[in-house]
Protein backbone atom coordinates (compact mmCIF):
# COMPACT_ATOMS: atom_id res chain seq x y z
CA MET A 1 0.25 -0.24 0.28
CA LYS A 2 1.44 3.54 -1.32
CA LEU A 3 -0.05 6.69 -1.57
CA GLN A 4 -0.09 7.87 -5.45
CA ARG A 5 1.54 11.73 -5.87
CA HIS A 6 -0.54 13.70 -8.15
CA PRO A 7 1.00 14.71 -11.72
CA SER A 8 0.72 18.24 -11.06
CA ASN A 9 2.89 18.02 -8.21
CA PRO A 10 3.67 20.47 -6.08
CA ILE A 11 0.35 22.14 -6.45
CA LEU A 12 1.26 25.41 -4.55
CA LEU A 13 4.33 27.18 -4.39
CA PRO A 14 5.84 30.03 -2.73
CA ASP A 15 4.82 33.71 -4.33
CA PRO A 16 7.55 35.87 -4.81
CA THR A 17 5.26 39.19 -5.04
CA SER A 18 4.32 38.59 -1.32
CA ASP A 19 6.06 39.44 1.63
CA TRP A 20 4.66 36.94 3.94
CA GLU A 21 4.69 33.84 2.06
CA THR A 22 7.90 34.64 -0.35
CA TYR A 23 10.02 31.75 0.76
CA ASN A 24 8.11 28.63 1.71
CA VAL A 25 3.91 27.38 1.76
CA PHE A 26 3.76 24.15 3.48
CA ASN A 27 2.07 22.03 6.11
CA PRO A 28 -1.59 22.79 5.08
CA SER A 29 -5.01 21.90 6.32
CA VAL A 30 -7.79 20.88 3.80
CA ILE A 31 -11.49 20.26 4.53
CA TYR A 32 -14.03 19.87 2.06
CA HIS A 33 -17.04 22.30 2.34
CA ASN A 34 -19.96 23.12 0.20
CA GLY A 35 -18.40 21.64 -2.74
CA LEU A 36 -15.29 23.25 -2.62
CA PHE A 37 -11.79 22.45 -1.04
CA HIS A 38 -10.72 24.88 1.25
CA MET A 39 -7.00 25.34 2.26
CA HIS A 40 -5.03 26.89 5.27
CA TYR A 41 -1.51 26.62 5.13
CA ARG A 42 1.82 27.66 7.19
CA ALA A 43 3.88 30.22 5.02
CA GLN A 44 6.89 32.02 5.58
CA GLY A 45 8.13 35.69 3.88
CA PHE A 46 10.88 38.16 4.76
CA ASP A 47 10.91 37.66 8.16
CA TRP A 48 10.48 34.14 8.55
CA VAL A 49 8.21 34.15 11.17
CA SER A 50 5.10 31.85 10.00
CA ARG A 51 1.37 32.82 9.21
CA ILE A 52 -1.71 31.13 7.89
CA GLY A 53 -3.04 31.88 4.59
CA TYR A 54 -6.07 30.55 3.11
CA ALA A 55 -6.98 29.26 -0.56
CA VAL A 56 -9.93 27.75 -2.33
CA SER A 57 -10.29 25.30 -5.37
CA SER A 58 -13.09 23.36 -6.80
CA ASP A 59 -11.08 20.33 -7.50
CA GLY A 60 -8.52 19.93 -5.23
CA ASN A 61 -5.64 21.02 -7.63
CA HIS A 62 -5.79 24.52 -8.85
CA TRP A 63 -5.94 26.97 -6.16
CA ASN A 64 -6.76 30.36 -5.58
CA ARG A 65 -5.82 32.40 -2.58
CA MET A 66 -6.18 35.51 -0.56
CA ARG A 67 -3.44 38.28 -0.72
CA TYR A 68 -3.18 38.71 3.01
CA PRO A 69 -2.99 35.75 5.85
CA VAL A 70 -6.19 34.84 7.89
CA LEU A 71 -4.08 34.57 11.07
CA GLU A 72 -1.27 36.31 12.20
CA PRO A 73 1.07 36.28 15.38
CA VAL A 74 -0.48 37.96 18.31
CA GLY A 75 1.78 38.66 21.55
CA GLY A 76 4.94 37.26 22.86
CA SER A 77 3.67 33.48 22.95
CA GLU A 78 3.14 33.74 19.10
CA SER A 79 6.07 36.12 18.59
CA ARG A 80 7.88 33.33 16.50
CA GLY A 81 4.84 32.11 14.01
CA VAL A 82 1.31 30.56 13.99
CA GLU A 83 1.82 27.41 12.65
CA ASP A 84 0.85 24.08 11.17
CA PRO A 85 -3.05 24.06 11.22
CA ARG A 86 -5.49 21.45 11.29
CA VAL A 87 -9.07 22.31 10.88
CA THR A 88 -12.14 20.61 11.73
CA LYS A 89 -15.88 21.13 11.31
CA ILE A 90 -17.86 20.19 14.32
CA ASP A 91 -21.51 20.73 13.95
CA ASN A 92 -21.64 24.10 12.23
CA ARG A 93 -18.31 25.54 13.08
CA PHE A 94 -14.99 25.52 12.38
CA TYR A 95 -12.09 25.08 14.41
CA MET A 96 -8.67 25.02 13.90
CA CYS A 97 -6.05 23.56 16.13
CA TYR A 98 -2.61 25.44 15.03
CA THR A 99 0.89 25.76 16.82
CA ALA A 100 1.71 28.68 18.98
CA TYR A 101 5.56 29.43 18.41
CA GLY A 102 7.05 31.96 21.09
CA SER A 103 9.47 33.86 22.64
CA LYS A 104 7.20 34.30 25.86
CA VAL A 105 7.05 30.94 28.13
CA GLU A 106 3.12 30.92 29.42
CA GLY A 107 1.95 29.10 32.78
CA GLU A 108 4.27 26.72 35.21
CA PRO A 109 6.45 23.98 33.22
CA THR A 110 4.41 20.74 33.50
CA HIS A 111 6.29 18.61 31.00
CA GLU A 112 9.28 20.54 29.28
CA GLY A 113 9.90 23.86 27.44
CA GLY A 114 6.63 26.36 27.21
CA GLY A 115 7.48 27.86 23.94
CA ILE A 116 5.41 25.69 21.44
CA LEU A 117 1.52 25.74 22.36
CA PRO A 118 -1.30 23.81 21.36
CA MET A 119 -3.87 26.63 20.40
CA ILE A 120 -7.09 26.59 19.14
CA ALA A 121 -9.24 29.12 17.34
CA CYS A 122 -12.96 28.50 16.14
CA SER A 123 -14.43 30.41 13.05
CA ASP A 124 -18.09 30.59 11.11
CA ASN A 125 -16.57 31.37 8.14
CA LEU A 126 -13.28 29.81 7.63
CA ILE A 127 -11.45 33.52 7.44
CA THR A 128 -12.39 35.04 10.50
CA TRP A 129 -10.59 33.32 13.49
CA GLU A 130 -11.17 34.07 17.52
CA ARG A 131 -8.61 32.26 19.63
CA LEU A 132 -9.91 29.76 22.55
CA GLY A 133 -6.67 29.13 24.01
CA PRO A 134 -4.34 26.27 24.56
CA ILE A 135 -4.95 22.51 25.35
CA VAL A 136 -2.01 22.82 27.87
CA ARG A 137 0.44 25.19 29.00
CA GLY A 138 4.03 25.36 30.21
CA GLU A 139 5.43 22.79 27.69
CA ASP A 140 6.37 22.24 24.00
CA ASN A 141 3.28 20.37 23.10
CA LYS A 142 2.15 20.31 19.21
CA ASP A 143 0.49 18.00 16.42
CA HIS A 144 -3.02 18.50 17.75
CA VAL A 145 -6.18 17.83 15.95
CA LEU A 146 -9.81 17.44 16.88
CA PHE A 147 -12.02 14.68 16.26
CA PRO A 148 -14.99 15.84 13.79
CA GLN A 149 -17.64 14.61 16.73
CA ARG A 150 -17.78 14.50 20.17
CA ILE A 151 -16.83 11.22 21.96
CA GLY A 152 -18.91 10.61 24.84
CA GLU A 153 -20.68 14.03 24.73
CA ARG A 154 -17.08 15.09 25.10
CA TYR A 155 -14.44 16.84 22.70
CA ALA A 156 -11.61 14.94 22.13
CA VAL A 157 -8.25 15.83 20.53
CA LEU A 158 -5.01 14.11 19.79
CA HIS A 159 -1.86 15.83 20.39
CA ARG A 160 1.76 15.18 20.78
CA ARG A 161 3.75 14.97 24.00
CA TRP A 162 7.24 14.23 22.39
CA PRO A 163 7.65 11.42 21.54
CA ASP A 164 4.27 9.97 22.00
CA ILE A 165 0.79 10.87 20.76
CA TRP A 166 -1.54 11.54 23.10
CA ILE A 167 -5.52 11.67 23.87
CA ALA A 168 -6.77 14.36 25.64
CA TYR A 169 -10.91 15.68 26.46
CA SER A 170 -12.70 18.53 27.23
CA ASP A 171 -16.37 19.57 27.77
CA ASP A 172 -16.08 23.29 26.33
CA LEU A 173 -12.68 23.20 24.50
CA LEU A 174 -11.35 25.63 26.75
CA HIS A 175 -10.75 23.66 29.97
CA TRP A 176 -8.26 20.37 29.36
CA ASP A 177 -7.89 18.49 32.45
CA LYS A 178 -4.56 16.40 32.93
CA ALA A 179 -6.57 13.32 34.39
CA ASP A 180 -8.32 13.56 31.39
CA MET A 181 -5.06 12.63 28.98
CA GLY A 182 -3.32 9.60 28.13
CA THR A 183 -1.00 8.31 25.71
CA ILE A 184 -2.26 6.28 22.55
CA LEU A 185 0.60 5.48 20.50
CA SER A 186 4.51 5.83 21.17
CA PRO A 187 7.43 5.17 18.57
CA ARG A 188 8.09 1.48 18.03
CA ALA A 189 12.09 0.89 18.92
CA ASP A 190 12.12 -2.13 16.16
CA ASN A 191 10.24 -0.75 13.32
CA ASP A 192 12.77 1.76 11.41
CA TRP A 193 10.60 4.40 10.06
CA ASP A 194 8.79 5.47 13.47
CA SER A 195 11.24 4.11 16.07
CA LYS A 196 12.16 7.78 17.71
CA SER A 197 9.46 10.34 17.42
CA ILE A 198 5.96 10.15 16.08
CA GLY A 199 2.53 12.79 15.89
CA GLY A 200 -0.65 13.13 14.64
CA ASN A 201 -1.56 14.48 11.17
CA GLY A 202 -5.01 15.54 9.81
CA VAL A 203 -8.65 15.05 10.75
CA PRO A 204 -9.54 11.39 11.93
CA ILE A 205 -11.67 9.69 9.46
CA GLU A 206 -14.66 8.16 10.86
CA THR A 207 -15.57 4.63 9.27
CA GLU A 208 -17.63 1.86 10.03
CA HIS A 209 -14.42 -0.41 11.50
CA GLY A 210 -13.15 2.57 13.68
CA TRP A 211 -11.34 5.90 13.27
CA LEU A 212 -8.81 6.21 10.52
CA VAL A 213 -5.91 8.01 11.65
CA PHE A 214 -3.09 9.43 9.94
CA TYR A 215 0.45 9.92 11.66
CA HIS A 216 3.87 10.62 10.87
CA GLY A 217 7.38 9.17 12.09
CA TYR A 218 10.88 8.96 11.85
CA GLY A 219 13.94 7.21 13.20
CA GLY A 220 17.65 7.39 13.53
CA ASP A 221 17.91 8.83 9.90
CA HIS A 222 15.17 11.59 10.61
CA ILE A 223 13.57 10.70 7.39
CA TYR A 224 9.44 11.64 7.91
CA HIS A 225 7.27 9.15 6.84
CA ILE A 226 3.54 8.62 7.00
CA GLY A 227 1.57 5.72 8.52
CA VAL A 228 -2.08 4.89 9.47
CA CYS A 229 -3.93 3.01 12.30
CA MET A 230 -7.47 2.16 13.51
CA LEU A 231 -8.72 3.25 16.82
CA ASP A 232 -12.00 2.24 18.35
CA LEU A 233 -15.21 4.19 17.65
CA ASP A 234 -16.51 4.92 21.30
CA ASP A 235 -13.02 4.28 22.83
CA PRO A 236 -10.25 5.72 20.64
CA THR A 237 -7.40 4.94 23.28
CA LYS A 238 -8.39 1.62 21.78
CA VAL A 239 -5.99 0.60 18.95
CA ILE A 240 -7.68 -2.07 16.27
CA SER A 241 -4.70 -1.90 14.08
CA ARG A 242 -1.47 -0.67 13.37
CA PRO A 243 0.58 -1.74 10.28
CA GLY A 244 4.36 -1.86 10.39
CA ALA A 245 5.14 -0.35 6.86
CA ALA A 246 4.90 3.18 6.07
CA ILE A 247 2.46 4.19 2.79
CA PHE A 248 4.83 7.48 1.84
CA TRP A 249 7.99 8.77 2.09
CA PRO A 250 10.30 11.50 0.34
CA GLU A 251 11.53 10.58 -3.02
CA GLU A 252 10.89 13.73 -5.13
CA LEU A 253 14.09 16.47 -5.07
CA TRP A 254 11.53 18.66 -3.71
CA GLU A 255 10.99 16.62 -0.53
CA ILE A 256 14.62 15.68 -0.27
CA ARG A 257 16.20 18.71 -0.45
CA GLY A 258 13.77 21.51 0.38
CA ASP A 259 14.11 24.13 3.28
CA VAL A 260 13.92 21.06 5.71
CA PRO A 261 15.39 17.87 3.99
CA ASN A 262 13.85 14.47 4.03
CA VAL A 263 10.32 15.85 5.18
CA VAL A 264 6.47 15.01 3.93
CA PHE A 265 4.70 16.20 6.78
CA SER A 266 0.86 16.28 6.30
CA ASN A 267 -1.94 17.89 8.61
CA ALA A 268 -4.67 17.23 5.66
CA ASN A 269 -6.40 13.51 4.61
CA LEU A 270 -10.23 14.15 3.64
CA VAL A 271 -12.13 11.97 1.94
CA VAL A 272 -14.40 13.08 -1.04
CA ASP A 273 -16.62 10.74 -3.41
CA GLY A 274 -14.41 7.71 -2.05
CA VAL A 275 -10.83 9.04 -2.59
CA VAL A 276 -8.42 9.98 0.08
CA TYR A 277 -6.87 13.13 -0.63
CA VAL A 278 -3.69 13.73 1.11
CA TYR A 279 -2.06 17.28 1.37
CA TYR A 280 1.12 17.78 2.79
CA GLY A 281 4.37 19.78 2.96
CA GLY A 282 7.51 18.91 0.85
CA GLY A 283 10.83 19.90 2.50
CA ASP A 284 9.11 22.17 4.60
CA HIS A 285 8.99 24.27 1.17
CA VAL A 286 6.07 23.43 -0.99
CA ILE A 287 2.90 21.81 -1.20
CA GLY A 288 2.16 18.37 -3.02
CA LEU A 289 -1.08 16.16 -3.17
CA ALA A 290 -0.92 12.56 -2.79
CA THR A 291 -4.34 10.00 -3.00
CA CYS A 292 -5.60 6.64 -2.72
CA THR A 293 -8.99 5.18 -2.50
CA LEU A 294 -10.68 4.97 0.64
CA ASP A 295 -11.68 1.36 0.34
CA GLU A 296 -7.72 0.42 -0.50
CA LEU A 297 -6.36 2.31 2.39
CA LEU A 298 -8.89 0.63 4.94
CA ALA A 299 -7.89 -2.86 3.89
CA TYR A 300 -4.43 -2.06 4.40
CA ALA A 301 -5.36 -0.46 7.75
CA LEU A 302 -7.29 -3.16 9.31
CA SER A 303 -4.85 -6.20 7.82
CA GLY A 304 -1.32 -4.52 6.99
């Protein structure tokens, strides 16, 4: 099982006429809503501070983007950038998980670090965003993504306490109790591609067999790979299946030699008409697309 690259790759490039997305566009979120593909992507320009831009497409391949970012850094906790958006629609609202990278540490240290916060913002139109706050404070935490529906009447989110993937629950998206957090997946020392570090990718996909979850990982060679696993629908702390092999890894020159080498990093794995669209940042420089059928991927995820 392997994702197939789109022949038009890369599908989004930096804009040399812009001051804020001059050098890199990467790590996009994409959702399908009202017959259109909506992309939020991380960009870096002259000051190397990350901002989040917005683009829209009718076919998922050709994009029209807004001239200005839809989310920019505010305050010391975001002074170095807002990064890696992951947008989830729950009921009739949109929620963006994004990473705040700052020079100011917020809160008392609980794990390690504190300058990398897992933030959540909400929107009714995908353009204007209101910050709700972080999942945790006082630790370096990222790679967080909301499930597309409540689980047991509570919101659920995957997040990354290095080097593991954790889950957390909340009644209101504002308060996240440490008692409701726990590890789901850890690196596998005997498995080359995810032996050192792992983190969540795009929004979990609900299927009749369980939650289909994409995640990334790397081993001692620090080459990013993408893999999948299946989690129980009612209790996502239960891992149903976790295949040993990856389904995607750097092969193109722009993935191997980008601004950061050997990176394929995805925040988007949506399903449209039975096709899984995986959008990813290649080498932290440009945006690519790879696809497969949902049936093929499910068969692999359950038995691979």
